[in-house]
């Protein structure tokens, strides 16, 4: 059974690894913003830029998996 689902398990493991990396980076960025005492407006701008980059990566992933890109 494990042989049949090897690709699916590998893909799931890789996606979970990338999710862990994104969460770790988000926590690190949040820590840097708090320690440097950035104002709320600039903190919003930083998170907006990060969310835009994550959204772009997610869109690319979806397009590639569906055969569009």
Protein backbone atom coordinates (compact mmCIF):
# COMPACT_ATOMS: atom_id res chain seq x y z
CA UNK A 1 0.00 0.00 0.00
CA UNK A 2 2.82 2.39 0.78
CA UNK A 3 4.21 1.93 -2.73
CA UNK A 4 0.89 2.97 -4.24
CA UNK A 5 0.80 6.23 -2.31
CA UNK A 6 4.48 7.10 -2.42
CA UNK A 7 4.00 10.21 -4.58
CA UNK A 8 1.06 11.45 -2.54
CA UNK A 9 2.92 11.03 0.75
CA UNK A 10 6.00 12.72 -0.66
CA UNK A 11 3.96 15.67 -1.89
CA UNK A 12 2.16 15.95 1.44
CA UNK A 13 5.44 15.85 3.36
CA UNK A 14 6.97 18.52 1.15
CA UNK A 15 3.92 20.77 1.51
CA UNK A 16 3.99 20.38 5.30
CA UNK A 17 7.70 21.21 5.31
CA UNK A 18 7.08 24.39 3.31
CA UNK A 19 4.21 25.30 5.63
CA UNK A 20 6.55 24.90 8.60
CA UNK A 21 9.17 27.12 6.92
CA UNK A 22 6.58 29.84 6.18
CA UNK A 23 5.32 29.78 9.77
CA UNK A 24 8.88 29.93 11.13
CA UNK A 25 9.70 32.89 8.88
CA UNK A 26 6.50 34.64 9.91
CA UNK A 27 7.35 34.21 13.59
CA UNK A 28 10.89 35.47 12.99
CA UNK A 29 9.64 38.54 11.12
CA UNK A 30 7.09 39.22 13.85
CA UNK A 31 9.84 39.03 16.48
CA UNK A 32 12.07 41.44 14.56
CA UNK A 33 9.21 43.90 14.10
CA UNK A 34 8.40 43.81 17.82
CA UNK A 35 12.00 44.18 18.98
CA UNK A 36 12.69 47.08 16.62
CA UNK A 37 9.53 48.86 17.83
CA UNK A 38 8.11 49.45 14.36
CA UNK A 39 4.92 51.51 14.29
CA UNK A 40 1.63 49.79 13.57
CA UNK A 41 1.34 51.39 10.12
CA UNK A 42 4.71 50.05 8.96
CA UNK A 43 4.00 46.68 10.52
CA UNK A 44 0.82 46.55 8.42
CA UNK A 45 2.79 47.44 5.28
CA UNK A 46 5.33 44.68 5.96
CA UNK A 47 2.64 42.03 6.53
CA UNK A 48 0.73 43.20 3.46
CA UNK A 49 3.86 42.74 1.33
CA UNK A 50 4.51 39.30 2.82
CA UNK A 51 0.92 38.20 2.28
CA UNK A 52 1.13 39.41 -1.32
CA UNK A 53 4.26 37.32 -1.90
CA UNK A 54 2.68 34.25 -0.28
CA UNK A 55 -0.47 34.76 -2.36
CA UNK A 56 1.59 34.97 -5.53
CA UNK A 57 3.45 31.77 -4.65
CA UNK A 58 0.16 30.01 -3.84
CA UNK A 59 -1.37 31.15 -7.14
CA UNK A 60 1.67 29.86 -9.03
CA UNK A 61 1.47 26.53 -7.22
CA UNK A 62 -2.24 26.17 -8.04
CA UNK A 63 -1.72 27.14 -11.69
CA UNK A 64 1.17 24.71 -12.14
CA UNK A 65 -0.70 21.84 -10.53
CA UNK A 66 -3.72 22.41 -12.77
CA UNK A 67 -1.62 22.67 -15.94
CA UNK A 68 -2.24 26.36 -16.68
CA UNK A 69 1.31 27.65 -16.15
